[in-house]
Structures are given as C-alpha cells and as structure tokens.
Amino acid sequence: MDTNLLITGLLWYVAFLFSTTCHEAAHAWAAHKGGDDTAYAGGQVTLDPLPHIRRETFGMVIMPWLSFLMGGWMMGWASAPYNPHWARAYPRRSAWMALAGPAANFAIVLMTAALIFAGRGLGLLALTSQTDLDGIVGAATGGPMEAVAALLSVLFSLNLLLGAFNLMPFPPLDGFNVLGLFLPEAATHKLMDFRDSLGSMTMIGVLLAWRAFDYVAEPVYLAGLRLLYF
C-alpha cells in the first residue's frame, strides 16, 4: 500500500472512530439519563472505542477500511442497545436519546471549527478554498501541521455529513425516532409499530435515505463550509 494512502487512511480512521464512538456514547448516555441502563450496563457510555468495536466489529473496523479503499472516504456503523419497553413507556425520552447521537456530531463540528479558527489566528492553518472532505484546511507552515490540518478537515466534514444523514426521517435512522419530539404519544407509538413491523426490511429505509441524501448533502456541506469563512 502507498505510504501516503496509508497515512491518509489512518487519519480518516482516527476521525471515523472518534466520531462514531461519540455518537453512540451520546445515545447511551441520554438513555441512561432517561432511565434506561441497558447501554450503560453494556459499557457503551464511554469514549473508549473498544466496547463499541466489540459490539459492531464489521461496521467499526472492516466496512470503514473497505469503503476507504474503494471510494477514498470512510463509512460504517455502530449501535447502542436500549430497552424497547422503556422506549414505548417513555417515547419522548426515547426521542431525546435518538437526537443525542447527531447532536454529538454537530458538537464535534463546532469544536473543530473553533480549533480551525484558533489555528488560523495563530498563523498555523489556512483555508484552501477546496471542497475535498480532507482538504478544506491546509497548514500555513507545512510540516507536521499538514497532518493536523487533514485531521481537522475530516473531523469537520465527516461529522457534518454524519449528523445530517442520521437526521433523515427514515427508519431505522435517528431522524425517524426524533419525530417523537414533535408528535403526540399515540402517533409516536404508531411510528414505533411501523418501524418494528419492517424487521430486517429497515435496510430499505437506509437505502431510501441514502438516495434522498444525494439532494441534501451538497447544500448542507456548503452551508457548513460557510461557517469556516465567517
């Protein structure tokens, strides 16, 4: 494997691992605060990626590298367990649990933007006018800061798109469950019934969300880039 490709892949994987771990840990923490200790008991309320990797090894290790080698960027998945009886008893709390994951991603976007602003103010980083996911920020001085710039670029881009994608209102994505924040309890239970009736067919929802995201990704991404040029 080419050395530059390997280094880029490692930077991507660090960003992916951190972002996905934060996403799932946020789900688990919100469920714990809402009264469901299923994920807490399973060790998911942590920023240690190992419990999340053990639960979803293919989605956290194999799929990210496959997608990187095939497409130049990483995708994958993880999951935090929850008690479905708790979710039905407290649909509003369940909806907050669903929102916590994307919220963690957007928090990383803001944190990364703050680091980029600080780096620019110190003369260490510079915006490149590029839209590549791993090239929106460059090092003003070269050297090791190039790796820092690439990592910040990926963290910003990946979390912006990951958070937005997960808010798509298709089951089993978080956005479908977040609808419970805006609907009466009876309507939320009907949505849960519909989601549960799909079983393994929820993969169709992921595919539909992926297609629909084609129309959302670019405007979301460009809006995020404007934040950096503010």
C-alpha atoms as a PDB file:
ATOM      1  CA  MET A   1       0.000   0.000   0.000  1.00  0.00           C
ATOM      2  CA  ASP A   2       1.238   3.504  -0.846  1.00  0.00           C
ATOM      3  CA  THR A   3       2.621   5.292   2.251  1.00  0.00           C
ATOM      4  CA  ASN A   4       0.610   8.475   1.640  1.00  0.00           C
ATOM      5  CA  LEU A   5      -2.556   6.436   1.171  1.00  0.00           C
ATOM      6  CA  LEU A   6      -1.892   4.592   4.431  1.00  0.00           C
ATOM      7  CA  ILE A   7      -1.308   7.821   6.353  1.00  0.00           C
ATOM      8  CA  THR A   8      -4.468   9.354   4.878  1.00  0.00           C
ATOM      9  CA  GLY A   9      -6.388   6.200   5.764  1.00  0.00           C
ATOM     10  CA  LEU A  10      -5.141   6.285   9.344  1.00  0.00           C
ATOM     11  CA  LEU A  11      -6.188   9.928   9.681  1.00  0.00           C
ATOM     12  CA  TRP A  12      -9.605   9.056   8.313  1.00  0.00           C
ATOM     13  CA  TYR A  13      -9.926   6.093  10.661  1.00  0.00           C
ATOM     14  CA  VAL A  14      -8.987   8.125  13.732  1.00  0.00           C
ATOM     15  CA  ALA A  15     -11.664  10.667  12.783  1.00  0.00           C
ATOM     16  CA  PHE A  16     -14.228   7.967  11.998  1.00  0.00           C
ATOM     17  CA  LEU A  17     -13.545   6.040  15.210  1.00  0.00           C
ATOM     18  CA  PHE A  18     -13.766   9.157  17.385  1.00  0.00           C
ATOM     19  CA  SER A  19     -16.901  10.457  15.655  1.00  0.00           C
ATOM     20  CA  THR A  20     -18.787   7.161  15.742  1.00  0.00           C
ATOM     21  CA  THR A  21     -17.799   6.478  19.338  1.00  0.00           C
ATOM     22  CA  CYS A  22     -19.033   9.917  20.427  1.00  0.00           C
ATOM     23  CA  HIS A  23     -22.285   9.379  18.515  1.00  0.00           C
ATOM     24  CA  GLU A  24     -23.047   6.052  20.181  1.00  0.00           C
ATOM     25  CA  ALA A  25     -21.817   7.123  23.613  1.00  0.00           C
ATOM     26  CA  ALA A  26     -24.200  10.083  23.410  1.00  0.00           C
ATOM     27  CA  HIS A  27     -27.104   7.739  22.659  1.00  0.00           C
ATOM     28  CA  ALA A  28     -26.121   5.537  25.589  1.00  0.00           C
ATOM     29  CA  TRP A  29     -25.655   8.498  27.959  1.00  0.00           C
ATOM     30  CA  ALA A  30     -29.016  10.034  27.038  1.00  0.00           C
ATOM     31  CA  ALA A  31     -30.772   6.689  27.571  1.00  0.00           C
ATOM     32  CA  HIS A  32     -29.043   6.323  30.946  1.00  0.00           C
ATOM     33  CA  LYS A  33     -30.158   9.806  31.984  1.00  0.00           C
ATOM     34  CA  GLY A  34     -33.669   8.953  30.788  1.00  0.00           C
ATOM     35  CA  GLY A  35     -33.899   5.801  32.901  1.00  0.00           C
ATOM     36  CA  ASP A  36     -32.708   3.023  30.578  1.00  0.00           C
ATOM     37  CA  ASP A  37     -29.446   1.450  31.758  1.00  0.00           C
ATOM     38  CA  THR A  38     -29.203  -1.186  29.007  1.00  0.00           C
ATOM     39  CA  ALA A  39     -26.312   0.505  27.182  1.00  0.00           C
ATOM     40  CA  TYR A  40     -24.784   1.722  30.438  1.00  0.00           C
ATOM     41  CA  ALA A  41     -24.621  -1.843  31.751  1.00  0.00           C
ATOM     42  CA  GLY A  42     -23.015  -2.895  28.467  1.00  0.00           C
ATOM     43  CA  GLY A  43     -20.227  -0.354  28.859  1.00  0.00           C
ATOM     44  CA  GLN A  44     -21.400   1.886  26.000  1.00  0.00           C
ATOM     45  CA  VAL A  45     -21.385   5.132  27.996  1.00  0.00           C
ATOM     46  CA  THR A  46     -17.728   5.683  27.202  1.00  0.00           C
ATOM     47  CA  LEU A  47     -15.415   7.355  24.718  1.00  0.00           C
ATOM     48  CA  ASP A  48     -13.302   4.211  24.704  1.00  0.00           C
ATOM     49  CA  PRO A  49     -13.963   2.787  21.223  1.00  0.00           C
ATOM     50  CA  LEU A  50     -13.305  -0.839  22.223  1.00  0.00           C
ATOM     51  CA  PRO A  51     -16.788  -1.623  23.645  1.00  0.00           C
ATOM     52  CA  HIS A  52     -18.344  -0.167  20.503  1.00  0.00           C
ATOM     53  CA  ILE A  53     -15.957  -2.108  18.268  1.00  0.00           C
ATOM     54  CA  ARG A  54     -16.731  -5.355  20.094  1.00  0.00           C
ATOM     55  CA  ARG A  55     -20.445  -4.788  19.533  1.00  0.00           C
ATOM     56  CA  GLU A  56     -20.170  -3.890  15.820  1.00  0.00           C
ATOM     57  CA  THR A  57     -16.785  -5.131  14.582  1.00  0.00           C
ATOM     58  CA  PHE A  58     -17.732  -5.222  10.914  1.00  0.00           C
ATOM     59  CA  GLY A  59     -19.281  -1.743  10.926  1.00  0.00           C
ATOM     60  CA  MET A  60     -16.493  -0.199  13.012  1.00  0.00           C
ATOM     61  CA  VAL A  61     -13.409  -1.850  11.508  1.00  0.00           C
ATOM     62  CA  ILE A  62     -13.927  -3.740   8.262  1.00  0.00           C
ATOM     63  CA  MET A  63     -16.508  -1.559   6.481  1.00  0.00           C
ATOM     64  CA  PRO A  64     -14.672   1.744   7.070  1.00  0.00           C
ATOM     65  CA  TRP A  65     -11.483   0.423   5.500  1.00  0.00           C
ATOM     66  CA  LEU A  66     -13.327  -1.233   2.634  1.00  0.00           C
ATOM     67  CA  SER A  67     -15.162   1.984   1.814  1.00  0.00           C
ATOM     68  CA  PHE A  68     -11.938   3.989   2.059  1.00  0.00           C
ATOM     69  CA  LEU A  69     -10.026   1.702  -0.268  1.00  0.00           C
ATOM     70  CA  MET A  70     -12.913   1.619  -2.736  1.00  0.00           C
ATOM     71  CA  GLY A  71     -14.102   5.219  -2.564  1.00  0.00           C
ATOM     72  CA  GLY A  72     -11.500   7.316  -0.775  1.00  0.00           C
ATOM     73  CA  TRP A  73     -13.627   8.059   2.286  1.00  0.00           C
ATOM     74  CA  MET A  74     -14.963   6.063   5.218  1.00  0.00           C
ATOM     75  CA  MET A  75     -18.431   4.904   6.127  1.00  0.00           C
ATOM     76  CA  GLY A  76     -19.576   2.363   8.677  1.00  0.00           C
ATOM     77  CA  TRP A  77     -21.884   1.979  11.636  1.00  0.00           C
ATOM     78  CA  ALA A  78     -22.189   1.149  15.318  1.00  0.00           C
ATOM     79  CA  SER A  79     -25.112   0.752  17.710  1.00  0.00           C
ATOM     80  CA  ALA A  80     -26.040   1.280  21.338  1.00  0.00           C
ATOM     81  CA  PRO A  81     -28.586  -1.171  22.809  1.00  0.00           C
ATOM     82  CA  TYR A  82     -31.722   0.085  24.511  1.00  0.00           C
ATOM     83  CA  ASN A  83     -34.805  -1.396  26.145  1.00  0.00           C
ATOM     84  CA  PRO A  84     -37.754  -1.223  23.695  1.00  0.00           C
ATOM     85  CA  HIS A  85     -40.224  -1.451  26.580  1.00  0.00           C
ATOM     86  CA  TRP A  86     -38.635   1.651  28.112  1.00  0.00           C
ATOM     87  CA  ALA A  87     -38.842   3.413  24.729  1.00  0.00           C
ATOM     88  CA  ARG A  88     -42.575   2.695  24.498  1.00  0.00           C
ATOM     89  CA  ALA A  89     -43.202   3.736  28.074  1.00  0.00           C
ATOM     90  CA  TYR A  90     -41.274   6.982  27.609  1.00  0.00           C
ATOM     91  CA  PRO A  91     -41.452   7.896  23.906  1.00  0.00           C
ATOM     92  CA  ARG A  92     -40.306  11.477  24.493  1.00  0.00           C
ATOM     93  CA  ARG A  93     -37.211  10.321  26.354  1.00  0.00           C
ATOM     94  CA  SER A  94     -36.565   7.814  23.571  1.00  0.00           C
ATOM     95  CA  ALA A  95     -36.737  10.634  21.037  1.00  0.00           C
ATOM     96  CA  TRP A  96     -34.200  12.649  23.022  1.00  0.00           C
ATOM     97  CA  MET A  97     -31.972   9.572  23.083  1.00  0.00           C
ATOM     98  CA  ALA A  98     -32.198   9.425  19.283  1.00  0.00           C
ATOM     99  CA  LEU A  99     -31.342  13.115  18.935  1.00  0.00           C
ATOM    100  CA  ALA A 100     -28.301  12.823  21.208  1.00  0.00           C
ATOM    101  CA  GLY A 101     -26.230  10.970  18.591  1.00  0.00           C
ATOM    102  CA  PRO A 102     -26.462  13.565  15.793  1.00  0.00           C
ATOM    103  CA  ALA A 103     -26.150  16.318  18.411  1.00  0.00           C
ATOM    104  CA  ALA A 104     -22.765  14.865  19.392  1.00  0.00           C
ATOM    105  CA  ASN A 105     -21.665  15.006  15.758  1.00  0.00           C
ATOM    106  CA  PHE A 106     -22.687  18.631  15.403  1.00  0.00           C
ATOM    107  CA  ALA A 107     -20.896  19.423  18.670  1.00  0.00           C
ATOM    108  CA  ILE A 108     -17.718  17.977  17.113  1.00  0.00           C
ATOM    109  CA  VAL A 109     -18.310  20.173  14.046  1.00  0.00           C
ATOM    110  CA  LEU A 110     -18.421  23.278  16.254  1.00  0.00           C
ATOM    111  CA  MET A 111     -15.408  22.143  18.278  1.00  0.00           C
ATOM    112  CA  THR A 112     -13.429  21.509  15.114  1.00  0.00           C
ATOM    113  CA  ALA A 113     -14.467  24.870  13.644  1.00  0.00           C
ATOM    114  CA  ALA A 114     -13.230  26.566  16.832  1.00  0.00           C
ATOM    115  CA  LEU A 115      -9.865  24.792  16.530  1.00  0.00           C
ATOM    116  CA  ILE A 116      -9.614  25.828  12.878  1.00  0.00           C
ATOM    117  CA  PHE A 117     -10.371  29.457  13.780  1.00  0.00           C
ATOM    118  CA  ALA A 118      -7.739  29.303  16.527  1.00  0.00           C
ATOM    119  CA  GLY A 119      -5.194  27.765  14.147  1.00  0.00           C
ATOM    120  CA  ARG A 120      -5.847  30.478  11.591  1.00  0.00           C
ATOM    121  CA  GLY A 121      -5.490  33.157  14.240  1.00  0.00           C
ATOM    122  CA  LEU A 122      -2.117  31.737  15.278  1.00  0.00           C
ATOM    123  CA  GLY A 123      -0.958  31.571  11.669  1.00  0.00           C
ATOM    124  CA  LEU A 124      -0.727  27.761  11.708  1.00  0.00           C
ATOM    125  CA  LEU A 125      -3.677  26.907   9.469  1.00  0.00           C
ATOM    126  CA  ALA A 126      -5.199  28.371   6.327  1.00  0.00           C
ATOM    127  CA  LEU A 127      -8.382  27.688   4.399  1.00  0.00           C
ATOM    128  CA  THR A 128      -7.666  26.175   0.987  1.00  0.00           C
ATOM    129  CA  SER A 129     -10.822  27.128  -0.956  1.00  0.00           C
ATOM    130  CA  GLN A 130     -11.167  23.396  -1.718  1.00  0.00           C
ATOM    131  CA  THR A 131     -14.264  21.314  -1.040  1.00  0.00           C
ATOM    132  CA  ASP A 132     -12.499  17.956  -0.647  1.00  0.00           C
ATOM    133  CA  LEU A 133     -13.555  16.316   2.599  1.00  0.00           C
ATOM    134  CA  ASP A 134      -9.952  16.001   3.781  1.00  0.00           C
ATOM    135  CA  GLY A 135      -8.584  19.167   2.186  1.00  0.00           C
ATOM    136  CA  ILE A 136     -10.653  22.141   3.325  1.00  0.00           C
ATOM    137  CA  VAL A 137      -7.880  23.276   5.689  1.00  0.00           C
ATOM    138  CA  GLY A 138      -4.142  23.324   4.997  1.00  0.00           C
ATOM    139  CA  ALA A 139      -1.055  24.028   7.054  1.00  0.00           C
ATOM    140  CA  ALA A 140       0.277  27.545   6.641  1.00  0.00           C
ATOM    141  CA  THR A 141       3.741  26.408   7.674  1.00  0.00           C
ATOM    142  CA  GLY A 142       3.824  22.859   6.262  1.00  0.00           C
ATOM    143  CA  GLY A 143       5.459  20.025   8.182  1.00  0.00           C
ATOM    144  CA  PRO A 144       3.547  18.076  10.854  1.00  0.00           C
ATOM    145  CA  MET A 145       0.733  20.623  10.765  1.00  0.00           C
ATOM    146  CA  GLU A 146      -0.296  19.131   7.418  1.00  0.00           C
ATOM    147  CA  ALA A 147      -1.490  16.032   9.255  1.00  0.00           C
ATOM    148  CA  VAL A 148      -3.288  18.179  11.831  1.00  0.00           C
ATOM    149  CA  ALA A 149      -4.965  20.159   9.045  1.00  0.00           C
ATOM    150  CA  ALA A 150      -6.090  16.978   7.274  1.00  0.00           C
ATOM    151  CA  LEU A 151      -7.462  15.507  10.518  1.00  0.00           C
ATOM    152  CA  LEU A 152      -9.403  18.685  11.309  1.00  0.00           C
ATOM    153  CA  SER A 153     -10.750  18.742   7.745  1.00  0.00           C
ATOM    154  CA  VAL A 154     -12.017  15.174   8.038  1.00  0.00           C
ATOM    155  CA  LEU A 155     -13.464  15.700  11.519  1.00  0.00           C
ATOM    156  CA  PHE A 156     -15.365  18.765  10.338  1.00  0.00           C
ATOM    157  CA  SER A 157     -16.644  17.241   7.082  1.00  0.00           C
ATOM    158  CA  LEU A 158     -17.392  13.750   8.384  1.00  0.00           C
ATOM    159  CA  ASN A 159     -19.356  14.897  11.420  1.00  0.00           C
ATOM    160  CA  LEU A 160     -21.301  17.486   9.457  1.00  0.00           C
ATOM    161  CA  LEU A 161     -22.459  14.856   6.962  1.00  0.00           C
ATOM    162  CA  LEU A 162     -22.842  12.078   9.544  1.00  0.00           C
ATOM    163  CA  GLY A 163     -25.058  14.221  11.746  1.00  0.00           C
ATOM    164  CA  ALA A 164     -27.170  15.386   8.809  1.00  0.00           C
ATOM    165  CA  PHE A 165     -27.558  11.880   7.367  1.00  0.00           C
ATOM    166  CA  ASN A 166     -28.666  10.415  10.674  1.00  0.00           C
ATOM    167  CA  LEU A 167     -31.386  13.059  10.929  1.00  0.00           C
ATOM    168  CA  MET A 168     -33.024  11.838   7.721  1.00  0.00           C
ATOM    169  CA  PRO A 169     -36.575  10.788   8.748  1.00  0.00           C
ATOM    170  CA  PHE A 170     -36.360   7.190   7.537  1.00  0.00           C
ATOM    171  CA  PRO A 171     -36.361   4.114   9.782  1.00  0.00           C
ATOM    172  CA  PRO A 172     -34.085   2.970  11.356  1.00  0.00           C
ATOM    173  CA  LEU A 173     -32.156   6.271  11.292  1.00  0.00           C
ATOM    174  CA  ASP A 174     -32.221   8.595  14.283  1.00  0.00           C
ATOM    175  CA  GLY A 175     -34.259  11.187  12.424  1.00  0.00           C
ATOM    176  CA  PHE A 176     -37.246   8.832  12.269  1.00  0.00           C
ATOM    177  CA  ASN A 177     -37.207   8.416  16.047  1.00  0.00           C
ATOM    178  CA  VAL A 178     -36.626  12.140  16.631  1.00  0.00           C
ATOM    179  CA  LEU A 179     -40.093  12.724  15.143  1.00  0.00           C
ATOM    180  CA  GLY A 180     -41.391  11.659  18.556  1.00  0.00           C
ATOM    181  CA  LEU A 181     -40.379  15.061  19.918  1.00  0.00           C
ATOM    182  CA  PHE A 182     -42.993  16.734  17.726  1.00  0.00           C
ATOM    183  CA  LEU A 183     -45.863  14.224  17.749  1.00  0.00           C
ATOM    184  CA  PRO A 184     -48.450  13.150  20.315  1.00  0.00           C
ATOM    185  CA  GLU A 185     -47.621   9.966  22.205  1.00  0.00           C
ATOM    186  CA  ALA A 186     -50.225   7.918  20.340  1.00  0.00           C
ATOM    187  CA  ALA A 187     -48.791   8.940  16.975  1.00  0.00           C
ATOM    188  CA  THR A 188     -45.270   8.158  18.191  1.00  0.00           C
ATOM    189  CA  HIS A 189     -46.395   4.657  19.181  1.00  0.00           C
ATOM    190  CA  LYS A 190     -47.788   4.147  15.682  1.00  0.00           C
ATOM    191  CA  LEU A 191     -44.430   5.148  14.217  1.00  0.00           C
ATOM    192  CA  MET A 192     -42.748   2.641  16.519  1.00  0.00           C
ATOM    193  CA  ASP A 193     -45.201  -0.046  15.378  1.00  0.00           C
ATOM    194  CA  PHE A 194     -44.432   0.755  11.748  1.00  0.00           C
ATOM    195  CA  ARG A 195     -40.671   0.656  12.350  1.00  0.00           C
ATOM    196  CA  ASP A 196     -40.881  -2.638  14.238  1.00  0.00           C
ATOM    197  CA  SER A 197     -43.092  -4.196  11.566  1.00  0.00           C
ATOM    198  CA  LEU A 198     -40.347  -3.657   8.997  1.00  0.00           C
ATOM    199  CA  GLY A 199     -37.939  -6.015  10.736  1.00  0.00           C
ATOM    200  CA  SER A 200     -34.892  -6.633   8.559  1.00  0.00           C
ATOM    201  CA  MET A 201     -36.544  -4.590   5.805  1.00  0.00           C
ATOM    202  CA  THR A 202     -35.406  -1.421   7.583  1.00  0.00           C
ATOM    203  CA  MET A 203     -32.400  -1.654   5.269  1.00  0.00           C
ATOM    204  CA  ILE A 204     -34.769  -0.347   2.604  1.00  0.00           C
ATOM    205  CA  GLY A 205     -35.149   2.763   4.739  1.00  0.00           C
ATOM    206  CA  VAL A 206     -31.375   3.204   4.821  1.00  0.00           C
ATOM    207  CA  LEU A 207     -31.202   2.906   1.030  1.00  0.00           C
ATOM    208  CA  LEU A 208     -34.041   5.415   0.578  1.00  0.00           C
ATOM    209  CA  ALA A 209     -32.327   7.794   2.986  1.00  0.00           C
ATOM    210  CA  TRP A 210     -29.069   7.398   1.076  1.00  0.00           C
ATOM    211  CA  ARG A 211     -30.760   8.294  -2.199  1.00  0.00           C
ATOM    212  CA  ALA A 212     -32.588  11.238  -0.654  1.00  0.00           C
ATOM    213  CA  PHE A 213     -29.358  12.430   0.945  1.00  0.00           C
ATOM    214  CA  ASP A 214     -27.935  12.981  -2.539  1.00  0.00           C
ATOM    215  CA  TYR A 215     -30.163  16.074  -2.696  1.00  0.00           C
ATOM    216  CA  VAL A 216     -29.309  17.232   0.833  1.00  0.00           C
ATOM    217  CA  ALA A 217     -25.599  16.541   1.232  1.00  0.00           C
ATOM    218  CA  GLU A 218     -24.213  19.279  -1.022  1.00  0.00           C
ATOM    219  CA  PRO A 219     -26.252  22.204   0.376  1.00  0.00           C
ATOM    220  CA  VAL A 220     -25.592  21.025   3.941  1.00  0.00           C
ATOM    221  CA  TYR A 221     -21.880  20.700   3.264  1.00  0.00           C
ATOM    222  CA  LEU A 222     -21.600  24.082   1.542  1.00  0.00           C
ATOM    223  CA  ALA A 223     -23.547  25.724   4.372  1.00  0.00           C
ATOM    224  CA  GLY A 224     -21.086  24.186   6.814  1.00  0.00           C
ATOM    225  CA  LEU A 225     -18.116  25.480   4.824  1.00  0.00           C
ATOM    226  CA  ARG A 226     -19.544  28.992   5.016  1.00  0.00           C
ATOM    227  CA  LEU A 227     -19.216  28.701   8.792  1.00  0.00           C
ATOM    228  CA  LEU A 228     -15.452  28.451   8.357  1.00  0.00           C
ATOM    229  CA  TYR A 229     -15.337  31.539   6.127  1.00  0.00           C
ATOM    230  CA  PHE A 230     -17.405  33.628   8.531  1.00  0.00           C
END
